[in-house]
Protein backbone atom coordinates (compact mmCIF):
# COMPACT_ATOMS: atom_id res chain seq x y z
CA MET A 1 14.01 6.70 38.26
CA GLU A 2 17.32 4.86 38.46
CA TRP A 3 15.54 1.52 38.59
CA LEU A 4 13.77 2.30 35.31
CA HIS A 5 17.02 3.43 33.69
CA ASP A 6 18.63 0.19 34.83
CA ILE A 7 15.83 -1.87 33.27
CA PHE A 8 16.12 -0.03 29.93
CA LYS A 9 19.90 -0.33 30.00
CA ARG A 10 19.70 -4.08 30.49
CA SER A 11 16.85 -4.52 28.00
CA PRO A 12 16.31 -1.50 25.67
CA GLU A 13 13.73 -3.50 23.73
CA ILE A 14 11.40 -3.02 26.71
CA ALA A 15 11.52 0.74 26.07
CA ILE A 16 10.63 0.14 22.41
CA PHE A 17 7.59 -2.03 23.09
CA LEU A 18 6.48 0.12 26.02
CA SER A 19 6.52 3.17 23.75
CA LEU A 20 4.57 1.27 21.09
CA SER A 21 1.92 0.09 23.55
CA LEU A 22 1.40 3.40 25.32
CA GLY A 23 1.79 5.33 22.06
CA TYR A 24 -1.02 3.49 20.32
CA LEU A 25 -3.14 3.89 23.44
CA LEU A 26 -2.49 7.64 23.41
CA GLY A 27 -3.07 7.77 19.66
CA SER A 28 -6.51 6.18 20.03
CA ILE A 29 -7.78 9.01 22.28
CA LYS A 30 -9.90 11.61 20.49
CA PHE A 31 -9.67 15.30 21.36
CA GLY A 32 -12.88 16.48 19.75
CA LYS A 33 -12.37 15.54 16.10
CA PHE A 34 -8.58 15.48 16.43
CA GLN A 35 -6.76 12.20 16.95
CA LEU A 36 -3.00 11.72 17.07
CA GLY A 37 -2.94 8.20 15.66
CA GLY A 38 -0.61 5.40 16.68
CA VAL A 39 2.53 6.62 14.94
CA ALA A 40 2.47 10.17 16.35
CA GLY A 41 1.43 8.84 19.75
CA SER A 42 4.35 6.40 19.77
CA LEU A 43 6.77 9.20 18.89
CA LEU A 44 5.60 11.41 21.76
CA VAL A 45 5.71 8.57 24.29
CA ALA A 46 9.20 7.60 23.08
CA VAL A 47 10.43 11.17 23.68
CA VAL A 48 9.07 11.04 27.24
CA VAL A 49 10.58 7.59 27.87
CA SER A 50 13.93 8.78 26.49
CA GLN A 51 14.27 11.23 29.40
CA VAL A 52 15.04 8.26 31.65
CA GLY A 53 18.02 7.44 29.46
CA VAL A 54 17.76 4.75 26.80
CA GLU A 55 20.40 3.54 24.38
CA VAL A 56 19.14 1.82 21.23
CA ASP A 57 21.45 0.69 18.45
CA SER A 58 20.86 2.59 15.20
CA GLY A 59 20.88 -0.72 13.37
CA VAL A 60 17.46 -1.46 14.86
CA LYS A 61 16.09 1.73 13.31
CA ALA A 62 17.61 0.88 9.93
CA ILE A 63 16.12 -2.63 9.92
CA LEU A 64 12.64 -1.47 10.94
CA PHE A 65 12.56 1.26 8.34
CA ALA A 66 13.80 -1.08 5.60
CA LEU A 67 11.00 -3.53 6.41
CA PHE A 68 8.38 -0.77 6.33
CA ILE A 69 9.43 0.92 3.12
CA TYR A 70 10.02 -2.37 1.27
CA ALA A 71 6.53 -3.59 2.20
CA VAL A 72 5.05 -0.30 1.00
CA GLY A 73 6.86 -0.63 -2.32
CA PHE A 74 5.92 -4.28 -2.74
CA GLU A 75 2.24 -3.53 -2.19
CA SER A 76 2.13 -0.58 -4.55
CA GLY A 77 4.53 -1.87 -7.24
CA PRO A 78 1.89 -3.08 -9.72
CA GLN A 79 -0.03 0.20 -9.53
CA PHE A 80 3.12 2.33 -9.57
CA PHE A 81 4.44 1.09 -12.90
CA THR A 82 1.04 1.11 -14.57
CA SER A 83 0.49 4.71 -13.41
CA LEU A 84 3.72 6.18 -14.81
CA GLY A 85 3.06 8.61 -17.63
CA LYS A 86 1.48 12.00 -18.05
CA GLN A 87 -0.42 11.54 -14.80
CA SER A 88 2.89 11.61 -12.89
CA VAL A 89 3.75 15.17 -13.96
CA LYS A 90 1.84 16.64 -11.02
CA GLU A 91 3.81 14.54 -8.53
CA ILE A 92 7.11 15.62 -10.09
CA ILE A 93 6.13 19.29 -9.91
CA LEU A 94 4.90 18.88 -6.33
CA ALA A 95 8.24 17.44 -5.18
CA VAL A 96 10.17 20.27 -6.88
CA VAL A 97 7.88 22.91 -5.36
CA LEU A 98 8.34 21.57 -1.83
CA ALA A 99 12.13 21.42 -2.17
CA ALA A 100 12.27 24.96 -3.54
CA THR A 101 9.96 26.43 -0.88
CA ALA A 102 11.89 24.56 1.83
CA LEU A 103 15.19 26.04 0.65
CA ALA A 104 13.74 29.55 0.55
CA THR A 105 12.17 29.16 4.01
CA VAL A 106 15.41 27.93 5.60
CA ILE A 107 17.49 30.76 4.08
CA VAL A 108 15.01 33.47 5.10
CA MET A 109 14.58 32.15 8.66
CA ALA A 110 18.35 31.69 9.11
CA LYS A 111 18.97 35.32 8.18
CA LEU A 112 16.11 36.61 10.34
CA SER A 113 17.21 34.56 13.37
CA GLY A 114 20.95 34.93 12.93
CA LEU A 115 21.63 31.20 12.59
CA ASP A 116 25.03 30.16 11.30
CA LYS A 117 25.51 27.75 8.41
CA GLY A 118 25.66 24.70 10.65
CA LEU A 119 22.48 25.45 12.61
CA ALA A 120 20.64 26.40 9.40
CA ALA A 121 21.54 23.09 7.77
CA GLY A 122 20.65 21.19 10.95
CA VAL A 123 17.26 22.89 11.14
CA ALA A 124 16.66 21.84 7.52
CA ALA A 125 17.68 18.25 8.25
CA GLY A 126 15.41 18.01 11.30
CA GLY A 127 12.54 20.23 10.21
CA LEU A 128 12.31 18.38 6.89
CA THR A 129 13.18 15.00 8.48
CA GLN A 130 15.81 14.39 5.84
CA SER A 131 18.76 12.97 7.78
CA ALA A 132 20.93 12.83 4.65
CA ILE A 133 21.26 16.63 4.83
CA ILE A 134 23.52 16.17 7.86
CA GLY A 135 26.03 14.34 5.70
CA THR A 136 25.87 16.58 2.63
CA ALA A 137 25.97 19.77 4.74
CA GLY A 138 28.88 18.46 6.82
CA ASP A 139 30.86 17.67 3.68
CA ALA A 140 30.10 21.13 2.26
CA ILE A 141 31.26 22.83 5.51
CA ALA A 142 34.51 20.86 5.42
CA LYS A 143 35.20 22.29 1.96
CA LEU A 144 34.76 25.95 2.98
CA GLY A 145 38.45 26.28 3.90
CA LEU A 146 37.75 27.40 7.49
CA ALA A 147 39.95 26.79 10.51
CA ALA A 148 39.70 23.29 11.97
CA ASP A 149 37.98 24.49 15.18
CA GLU A 150 35.41 26.51 13.27
CA THR A 151 34.72 23.64 10.91
CA LYS A 152 34.21 21.31 13.87
CA ARG A 153 31.90 23.83 15.58
CA LEU A 154 29.71 24.31 12.50
CA GLN A 155 29.51 20.57 11.87
CA GLY A 156 28.51 20.08 15.51
CA ASN A 157 25.80 22.71 15.10
CA VAL A 158 24.33 20.69 12.24
CA ALA A 159 23.70 17.86 14.71
CA VAL A 160 22.34 20.33 17.31
CA GLY A 161 19.83 21.85 14.90
CA TYR A 162 18.79 18.40 13.73
CA ALA A 163 18.25 17.07 17.27
CA VAL A 164 16.15 20.05 18.34
CA THR A 165 13.86 20.11 15.31
CA TYR A 166 13.49 16.49 14.23
CA VAL A 167 10.71 15.55 16.61
CA PHE A 168 8.40 18.37 15.54
CA GLY A 169 9.52 17.87 11.94
CA THR A 170 8.01 14.40 12.13
CA PHE A 171 4.95 15.46 14.10
CA GLY A 172 4.25 18.59 12.02
CA ALA A 173 4.14 16.68 8.76
CA ILE A 174 1.51 14.38 10.26
CA ILE A 175 -0.59 17.38 11.38
CA VAL A 176 -0.55 18.97 7.92
CA CYS A 177 -1.08 15.82 5.85
CA VAL A 178 -3.65 14.11 8.08
CA ASN A 179 -5.49 16.99 9.78
CA ILE A 180 -5.09 20.25 7.83
CA LEU A 181 -5.16 18.92 4.26
CA PRO A 182 -8.58 17.19 4.57
CA LYS A 183 -10.05 20.44 5.94
CA LEU A 184 -8.72 22.36 2.93
CA MET A 185 -10.05 19.72 0.53
CA GLY A 186 -13.41 19.44 2.28
CA THR A 187 -13.38 15.62 2.20
CA SER A 188 -11.80 12.93 4.35
CA ILE A 189 -8.87 10.77 3.29
CA ARG A 190 -10.95 7.61 3.75
CA ASP A 191 -13.89 8.80 1.61
CA ASP A 192 -11.65 9.83 -1.27
CA ALA A 193 -9.59 6.64 -0.94
CA ILE A 194 -12.77 4.62 -1.46
CA LYS A 195 -13.76 6.82 -4.39
CA ALA A 196 -10.35 6.47 -6.05
CA GLU A 197 -10.32 2.72 -5.54
CA ALA A 198 -13.74 2.40 -7.17
CA SER A 199 -12.58 4.55 -10.09
CA MET A 200 -9.45 2.43 -10.55
CA GLN A 201 -11.55 -0.69 -10.73
CA ALA A 202 -13.27 0.76 -13.83
CA GLY A 203 -16.71 0.35 -12.32
CA VAL A 204 -16.06 -3.20 -11.13
CA ARG A 205 -17.41 -3.65 -7.62
CA VAL A 206 -14.69 -5.24 -5.48
CA LEU A 207 -15.89 -6.61 -2.16
CA GLY A 208 -13.88 -6.49 1.04
CA ALA A 209 -12.79 -9.63 2.86
CA ASP A 210 -15.78 -9.36 5.20
CA GLN A 211 -18.36 -8.49 2.54
CA GLN A 212 -20.66 -10.49 0.31
CA HIS A 213 -23.65 -9.77 -1.89
CA ALA A 214 -27.02 -10.27 -0.24
CA ALA A 215 -28.22 -11.63 -3.60
CA PRO A 216 -25.18 -13.41 -5.10
CA ASP A 217 -24.84 -13.67 -8.86
CA LEU A 218 -23.98 -17.38 -8.82
CA VAL A 219 -26.49 -19.65 -7.09
CA GLY A 220 -27.64 -23.26 -6.88
CA ARG A 221 -31.31 -24.37 -6.79
CA LEU A 222 -33.15 -27.71 -6.48
CA TYR A 223 -36.19 -28.27 -8.70
CA LYS A 224 -38.71 -31.10 -8.85
CA VAL A 225 -39.55 -31.84 -12.48
CA SER A 226 -43.28 -31.35 -13.11
CA THR A 227 -45.55 -33.82 -14.86
CA GLY A 228 -45.56 -33.27 -18.60
CA SER A 229 -42.03 -31.91 -18.86
CA LYS A 230 -40.36 -33.56 -21.84
CA HIS A 231 -36.89 -32.03 -22.01
CA THR A 232 -33.37 -33.37 -22.06
CA ILE A 233 -30.69 -31.89 -19.83
CA GLY A 234 -29.01 -30.37 -22.88
CA GLN A 235 -32.24 -28.71 -23.98
CA VAL A 236 -32.84 -27.17 -20.53
CA GLU A 237 -29.28 -25.82 -20.35
CA LYS A 238 -29.45 -24.31 -23.84
CA ALA A 239 -32.91 -22.82 -23.29
CA ALA A 240 -31.87 -20.89 -20.19
CA PRO A 241 -31.16 -17.14 -20.72
CA GLY A 242 -27.65 -16.91 -22.12
CA SER A 243 -27.14 -20.67 -21.56
CA LEU A 244 -25.71 -19.73 -18.16
CA ILE A 245 -26.81 -22.77 -16.14
CA THR A 246 -25.53 -26.27 -15.56
CA ILE A 247 -27.51 -29.26 -14.32
CA GLU A 248 -25.03 -30.86 -11.97
CA ARG A 249 -27.05 -33.70 -10.41
CA VAL A 250 -30.22 -35.69 -11.04
CA LYS A 251 -31.99 -37.90 -8.49
CA ARG A 252 -34.71 -40.31 -9.61
CA GLY A 253 -36.44 -41.98 -6.71
CA GLN A 254 -33.59 -42.96 -4.37
CA GLN A 255 -30.98 -43.23 -7.12
CA LEU A 256 -28.45 -40.62 -8.25
CA LEU A 257 -28.05 -40.77 -12.02
CA GLU A 258 -25.04 -39.95 -14.14
CA VAL A 259 -25.67 -36.64 -15.86
CA ALA A 260 -25.48 -36.53 -19.68
CA PRO A 261 -26.71 -33.91 -22.18
CA ASP A 262 -29.08 -36.37 -23.90
CA MET A 263 -30.69 -37.60 -20.65
CA LEU A 264 -34.48 -37.17 -20.76
CA LEU A 265 -35.84 -35.76 -17.53
CA GLU A 266 -38.89 -37.49 -16.08
CA ALA A 267 -41.68 -36.32 -13.79
CA ASP A 268 -40.64 -36.07 -10.09
CA ASP A 269 -36.91 -36.10 -10.89
CA ILE A 270 -34.95 -33.83 -8.55
CA VAL A 271 -32.37 -31.74 -10.39
CA LEU A 272 -29.63 -29.48 -9.02
CA VAL A 273 -29.19 -26.38 -11.19
CA VAL A 274 -26.11 -24.15 -10.77
CA GLY A 275 -25.40 -20.93 -12.62
CA ARG A 276 -26.17 -17.23 -12.96
CA ARG A 277 -29.09 -16.17 -10.84
CA ASN A 278 -31.38 -14.90 -13.62
CA ALA A 279 -30.80 -18.02 -15.69
CA VAL A 280 -31.32 -20.42 -12.77
CA VAL A 281 -34.54 -18.71 -11.73
CA GLY A 282 -35.69 -18.60 -15.36
CA SER A 283 -35.20 -22.35 -15.76
CA ALA A 284 -38.03 -23.05 -13.32
CA GLY A 285 -40.55 -22.71 -16.15
CA LEU A 286 -39.03 -25.70 -17.94
CA LEU A 287 -38.49 -27.82 -14.84
CA GLY A 288 -41.02 -27.30 -12.07
CA LYS A 289 -41.25 -26.02 -8.52
CA GLU A 290 -38.28 -25.39 -6.24
CA VAL A 291 -37.66 -27.86 -3.39
CA TYR A 292 -35.32 -27.93 -0.42
CA GLY A 293 -33.28 -30.30 1.73
CA ILE A 294 -33.09 -33.30 -0.59
CA GLU A 295 -30.61 -35.89 0.69
CA GLY A 296 -27.72 -36.70 -1.63
CA MET A 297 -28.09 -33.53 -3.69
CA GLU A 298 -25.40 -31.59 -1.83
CA LEU A 299 -22.61 -30.25 -4.03
CA ILE A 300 -19.50 -28.37 -2.98
CA VAL A 301 -18.34 -25.77 -5.47
CA GLN A 302 -14.97 -24.05 -5.52
CA ARG A 303 -13.49 -20.67 -6.36
CA ARG A 304 -10.00 -20.88 -7.79
CA ASP A 305 -7.62 -18.16 -9.00
CA VAL A 306 -5.75 -19.18 -12.15
CA VAL A 307 -2.82 -17.36 -13.77
CA VAL A 308 -3.07 -17.13 -17.55
CA SER A 309 0.07 -18.80 -18.90
CA ASN A 310 -1.25 -20.44 -22.09
CA LYS A 311 0.56 -18.55 -24.87
CA ASP A 312 -2.28 -19.33 -27.28
CA PHE A 313 -4.43 -16.86 -25.33
CA GLU A 314 -2.02 -13.91 -25.45
CA LYS A 315 -3.29 -10.78 -27.24
CA LYS A 316 -6.61 -12.46 -28.05
CA SER A 317 -9.97 -11.07 -27.01
CA PHE A 318 -12.08 -12.79 -24.40
CA GLY A 319 -14.76 -13.53 -27.01
CA GLN A 320 -12.27 -15.18 -29.37
CA ILE A 321 -10.95 -17.43 -26.60
CA ARG A 322 -14.44 -18.38 -25.51
CA ASP A 323 -15.44 -19.44 -29.02
CA ALA A 324 -12.19 -21.36 -29.61
CA MET A 325 -12.29 -23.20 -26.30
CA GLY A 326 -15.56 -24.97 -26.98
CA LEU A 327 -18.51 -25.82 -24.75
CA GLY A 328 -16.99 -29.11 -23.61
CA VAL A 329 -14.18 -27.34 -21.78
CA ARG A 330 -16.29 -24.47 -20.50
CA HIS A 331 -19.26 -26.53 -19.32
CA GLY A 332 -20.06 -26.04 -15.64
CA VAL A 333 -17.44 -23.32 -15.07
CA TYR A 334 -18.24 -19.66 -14.45
CA LEU A 335 -15.86 -16.71 -14.56
CA VAL A 336 -16.24 -14.64 -11.41
CA GLU A 337 -13.48 -12.06 -11.66
CA TYR A 338 -10.64 -10.97 -13.94
CA ARG A 339 -7.58 -9.08 -12.65
CA ARG A 340 -4.52 -7.52 -14.20
CA MET A 341 -1.66 -6.41 -11.92
CA GLY A 342 -4.06 -6.65 -8.99
CA GLN A 343 -6.70 -4.45 -10.63
CA ALA A 344 -10.15 -5.87 -11.40
CA LEU A 345 -11.29 -5.40 -15.01
CA PRO A 346 -14.81 -5.57 -16.44
CA ILE A 347 -15.40 -8.89 -18.19
CA THR A 348 -16.47 -8.14 -21.77
CA PRO A 349 -16.08 -9.98 -25.10
CA ASP A 350 -13.62 -7.28 -26.24
CA LEU A 351 -11.28 -7.66 -23.23
CA VAL A 352 -7.79 -8.51 -24.56
CA VAL A 353 -6.02 -11.16 -22.48
CA GLN A 354 -2.39 -10.83 -21.38
CA LEU A 355 -0.11 -13.45 -19.93
CA GLY A 356 0.08 -13.05 -16.15
CA ASP A 357 -3.55 -11.98 -15.79
CA THR A 358 -5.57 -13.75 -13.11
CA VAL A 359 -9.01 -15.27 -13.60
CA THR A 360 -11.27 -16.49 -10.80
CA LEU A 361 -13.25 -19.61 -11.72
CA TYR A 362 -16.34 -20.99 -9.99
CA GLY A 363 -17.73 -24.49 -10.29
CA ALA A 364 -17.46 -28.13 -9.25
CA ASP A 365 -13.94 -29.41 -8.57
CA LEU A 366 -13.54 -31.53 -11.72
CA ASP A 367 -14.97 -28.80 -13.96
CA VAL A 368 -12.71 -26.11 -12.50
CA ARG A 369 -9.61 -28.30 -12.80
CA ARG A 370 -10.44 -29.08 -16.44
CA MET A 371 -10.83 -25.40 -17.26
CA ALA A 372 -7.78 -24.35 -15.24
CA SER A 373 -5.51 -26.80 -17.07
CA ALA A 374 -6.46 -25.12 -20.33
CA ILE A 375 -5.77 -21.61 -18.99
CA GLY A 376 -2.62 -21.87 -16.91
CA GLN A 377 -1.64 -22.56 -13.33
CA VAL A 378 -3.88 -22.62 -10.26
CA LEU A 379 -2.84 -20.31 -7.43
CA VAL A 380 -3.03 -22.23 -4.20
CA PRO A 381 -4.00 -19.91 -1.30
CA SER A 382 -1.25 -19.71 1.31
CA THR A 383 -0.56 -17.78 4.51
CA LYS A 384 3.19 -18.44 4.28
CA THR A 385 5.70 -15.84 3.11
CA ASP A 386 8.31 -16.76 0.51
CA PHE A 387 11.37 -15.61 2.47
CA VAL A 388 13.68 -16.44 -0.42
CA TYR A 389 11.96 -13.79 -2.54
CA LEU A 390 11.50 -11.37 0.37
CA GLY A 391 15.13 -11.62 1.46
CA ALA A 392 16.41 -11.25 -2.09
CA GLY A 393 14.31 -8.12 -2.55
CA LEU A 394 15.59 -6.51 0.64
CA VAL A 395 19.22 -7.37 -0.12
CA ALA A 396 18.92 -5.96 -3.65
CA GLY A 397 17.32 -2.76 -2.35
CA LEU A 398 19.87 -2.18 0.39
CA LEU A 399 22.74 -2.78 -2.05
CA VAL A 400 21.26 -0.20 -4.44
CA GLY A 401 21.03 2.18 -1.49
CA LEU A 402 24.80 1.94 -1.03
CA LEU A 403 25.48 3.25 -4.53
CA SER A 404 26.53 6.88 -4.80
CA VAL A 405 26.98 9.12 -7.84
CA LYS A 406 28.64 12.52 -7.61
CA LEU A 407 27.11 15.58 -9.29
CA GLY A 408 30.12 17.85 -9.13
CA ASP A 409 31.12 17.68 -5.48
CA ILE A 410 27.63 16.64 -4.34
CA PRO A 411 27.14 12.90 -3.70
CA LEU A 412 23.74 11.60 -4.81
CA THR A 413 22.41 8.40 -3.29
CA LEU A 414 19.03 6.79 -2.75
CA GLY A 415 20.06 5.58 0.71
CA SER A 416 18.72 2.43 2.32
CA GLY A 417 15.16 3.77 2.35
CA GLY A 418 15.09 4.78 -1.31
CA GLY A 419 16.83 1.57 -2.35
CA ALA A 420 14.40 -0.62 -0.40
CA LEU A 421 11.44 1.31 -1.83
CA LEU A 422 12.70 0.92 -5.40
CA SER A 423 13.40 -2.77 -4.87
CA GLY A 424 9.97 -3.28 -3.30
CA LEU A 425 8.31 -1.60 -6.28
CA LEU A 426 10.19 -3.81 -8.77
CA PHE A 427 9.77 -7.06 -6.83
CA GLY A 428 6.07 -6.32 -6.19
CA TRP A 429 5.52 -5.57 -9.88
CA TYR A 430 7.29 -8.75 -10.99
CA ARG A 431 5.38 -10.82 -8.44
CA ALA A 432 2.12 -9.49 -9.90
CA ARG A 433 3.21 -10.71 -13.34
CA ARG A 434 4.55 -14.09 -12.16
CA GLN A 435 2.35 -15.13 -9.27
CA THR A 436 3.52 -18.73 -8.96
CA PHE A 437 6.30 -17.74 -6.54
CA GLY A 438 7.17 -14.89 -4.18
CA GLU A 439 4.12 -15.33 -1.92
CA PHE A 440 3.70 -12.36 0.44
CA PRO A 441 0.24 -12.50 2.08
CA ALA A 442 -1.59 -9.25 2.70
CA GLY A 443 -1.53 -9.85 6.45
CA ALA A 444 2.25 -10.23 6.42
CA VAL A 445 2.62 -7.05 4.36
CA GLN A 446 0.45 -5.16 6.84
CA ILE A 447 2.36 -6.27 9.95
CA MET A 448 5.65 -5.34 8.26
CA LYS A 449 4.29 -1.89 7.48
CA ASP A 450 2.77 -1.29 10.92
CA LEU A 451 5.62 -2.65 13.03
CA GLY A 452 8.33 -1.28 10.75
CA LEU A 453 7.02 2.29 10.73
CA ALA A 454 5.93 2.53 14.37
CA GLY A 455 9.13 0.86 15.56
CA PHE A 456 11.27 3.17 13.43
CA VAL A 457 9.58 6.27 14.86
CA VAL A 458 9.93 4.97 18.42
CA VAL A 459 13.68 4.40 18.01
CA VAL A 460 14.05 7.93 16.59
CA GLY A 461 12.21 9.33 19.62
CA LEU A 462 14.29 7.29 22.06
CA GLN A 463 17.55 8.33 20.41
CA SER A 464 16.90 12.05 19.88
CA GLY A 465 14.37 12.92 22.59
CA LEU A 466 16.84 13.41 25.44
CA GLN A 467 19.29 15.37 23.31
CA ALA A 468 16.51 17.57 21.93
CA VAL A 469 15.31 18.57 25.40
CA THR A 470 18.88 19.20 26.63
CA THR A 471 19.80 21.28 23.59
CA ILE A 472 16.67 23.40 23.89
CA LYS A 473 17.65 24.24 27.46
CA GLU A 474 21.16 25.19 26.37
CA HIS A 475 20.44 27.10 23.17
CA GLY A 476 17.02 28.49 23.83
CA ILE A 477 13.71 28.06 22.09
CA THR A 478 14.75 30.00 18.98
CA ILE A 479 16.06 27.00 17.08
CA PHE A 480 12.94 25.03 17.87
CA GLY A 481 10.74 27.90 16.67
CA VAL A 482 12.66 28.19 13.42
CA GLY A 483 12.29 24.44 12.97
CA VAL A 484 8.52 24.73 13.38
CA VAL A 485 8.41 27.34 10.61
CA VAL A 486 10.67 25.25 8.36
CA THR A 487 8.42 22.24 8.91
CA ILE A 488 5.05 23.94 8.41
CA VAL A 489 5.54 26.73 5.84
CA PRO A 490 6.87 24.63 2.89
CA LEU A 491 4.12 22.07 3.48
CA ILE A 492 1.39 24.73 3.56
CA LEU A 493 2.71 26.53 0.46
CA THR A 494 3.07 23.26 -1.44
CA MET A 495 -0.38 22.17 -0.30
CA LEU A 496 -1.93 25.41 -1.62
CA ILE A 497 -0.09 25.16 -4.95
CA GLY A 498 -1.13 21.53 -5.26
CA ARG A 499 -4.75 22.36 -4.60
CA TYR A 500 -5.22 25.53 -6.61
CA VAL A 501 -2.52 25.34 -9.31
CA LEU A 502 -1.98 21.62 -9.90
CA ARG A 503 -5.68 20.98 -9.20
CA TYR A 504 -5.46 17.92 -6.97
CA ASP A 505 -9.05 16.94 -6.25
CA ASN A 506 -8.65 13.68 -4.33
CA THR A 507 -7.61 13.99 -0.69
CA ALA A 508 -6.11 10.49 -0.37
CA ILE A 509 -3.95 10.84 -3.50
CA PHE A 510 -2.92 14.39 -2.56
CA ALA A 511 -2.03 13.38 1.01
CA GLY A 512 0.19 10.55 -0.23
CA ALA A 513 1.94 12.83 -2.73
CA LEU A 514 2.47 15.58 -0.13
CA ALA A 515 3.86 13.15 2.46
CA GLY A 516 6.27 11.72 -0.11
CA ALA A 517 7.38 15.16 -1.33
CA ARG A 518 8.37 15.94 2.26
CA SER A 519 9.95 12.51 2.73
CA GLY A 520 7.52 12.19 5.63
CA ASN A 521 7.41 8.45 6.34
CA PRO A 522 5.46 8.70 9.64
CA ALA A 523 3.03 11.09 7.98
CA PHE A 524 2.60 8.61 5.14
CA GLY A 525 1.96 5.85 7.67
CA GLU A 526 -0.85 7.89 9.21
CA VAL A 527 -2.26 8.66 5.74
CA LEU A 528 -2.33 4.93 4.97
CA ASP A 529 -4.02 4.26 8.29
CA LYS A 530 -6.73 6.81 7.50
CA ALA A 531 -7.18 5.58 3.91
CA GLN A 532 -7.42 1.90 4.89
CA ASN A 533 -6.30 0.91 1.40
CA SER A 534 -3.20 1.37 -0.78
CA ILE A 535 -4.43 4.32 -2.86
CA PRO A 536 -1.93 6.88 -1.40
CA THR A 537 1.07 4.64 -2.03
CA VAL A 538 1.51 5.31 -5.75
CA PRO A 539 1.77 9.13 -5.51
CA PHE A 540 3.88 8.72 -2.36
CA ALA A 541 6.30 6.37 -4.12
CA ILE A 542 6.84 8.85 -6.96
CA THR A 543 7.36 11.96 -4.81
CA TYR A 544 9.33 10.11 -2.14
CA ALA A 545 11.92 8.93 -4.65
CA LEU A 546 12.32 12.49 -5.94
CA ALA A 547 12.41 13.98 -2.44
CA ASN A 548 15.29 11.73 -1.40
CA VAL A 549 17.40 13.38 -4.09
CA LEU A 550 16.03 16.95 -4.04
CA LEU A 551 16.00 17.40 -0.26
CA THR A 552 19.45 15.85 0.12
CA LEU A 553 20.77 18.46 -2.32
CA LEU A 554 19.61 21.21 0.04
CA GLY A 555 22.55 20.60 2.42
CA PRO A 556 25.30 22.13 0.21
CA LEU A 557 22.91 24.83 -1.07
CA ILE A 558 22.07 25.98 2.46
CA VAL A 559 25.74 26.03 3.44
CA ALA A 560 26.47 28.15 0.36
CA LEU A 561 23.56 30.58 0.78
CA ALA A 562 22.95 30.89 4.54
């Protein structure tokens, strides 16, 4: 295999993309109802590839993870900050429970297996996939006052325990969160993700990108005015149910006429009626029979998203604004959707408008532009990413991750992952409030999440796979077995407490919270993949931020107690 080692030495990126390709292929294979998924598959393939000998710079891992976790935060920022409150208490308790059960499990298993302080801390770092424990435990060992050789040996054992247990620590969290948890709950992550999304939309039906109503609410119809009809355009529009139609065009003989409210319609005129379905259909009684394919009566309508920036609208109800705006401004324009921080709201007269909300308008170009100018600024659809905003967010997050505060002798830090997540949450939230800049298309967010997470896991497998196999041969299977227990037991205990004490009843939300409480980024990636929406990200963001602090604190505690 020297030729393969030589290839990977000259171009380690080949090993990364090979592991991704074969990993996702492996992850797509179903074993009965069990399926590894792309992330777990990539990790296993990377461990196998690492046996050839691959050297990958740790900076690659740091960059990929920063991209992933920032994108996750950016996507979930609006929901995260609107969800903070009493509903977050369960996530806080869940994170504390997992940290406490993890500490107890490590101490008990270390005593039963005769592990020293270094191996115990290493098993915690790898089994809980919290690399920061290596640093905090190493610092704590250095302060024990031991001989230099003994200090060096124990600190080396931290790395040994970490290398042996990290791979299963990653894989085990995926098994529990993606496979075992749904069986306990009795529902799939995807089904509950859909249910939660529908609940968040307050009953508003939000269609997917590839969906549309078979009977759309807004329609256009051509009618031929019957003999004996003596109505003006204004009279027909006002007589329709709810006045929810607009006569956009009139053709008399071969001539297109300029539409005006006081125009009297004559027999055999062809009129184009646009508006709400029930009103358009109801107008047939005043006009005549429906006709089709009339030349010159084509009309292109537009849907435009507009950000509310008119300060006269702030804190006023929808009904008040409608009455104050007047029919002249509103004529020919229909409100399709209303969103706040990315969440669709039911359109009612009592809905109170806030600056930064987004309205979706429907109508002819001139009508929509007239209405939009009165509301705020039109959002022009774009597939380009604002790299000024993206780069600024990542830089801010990584700088925050460098900050460290000492609690006694214990350094507390968010790290690059926690900093990027916090920055992503803030920048995503601010973008939702000020949507005229900071464009980050959904497709770009998704590729950053997918490539960032899968690439991060592959680099971990390539870096630690060879060492893990070698160390197992040298130190026996005991350390690995202890790592399995440390990985699984706290997750199972926390899962049971979450289900039967904290009363989690939604699998998607619970899976996100559990993955975050264990700082299980690959597990969270698989949860997101199963959910196929962003529902798990809010509970994950809360518990992940807490886990970065709580689990990091375990290093000195294990050194003191083991």
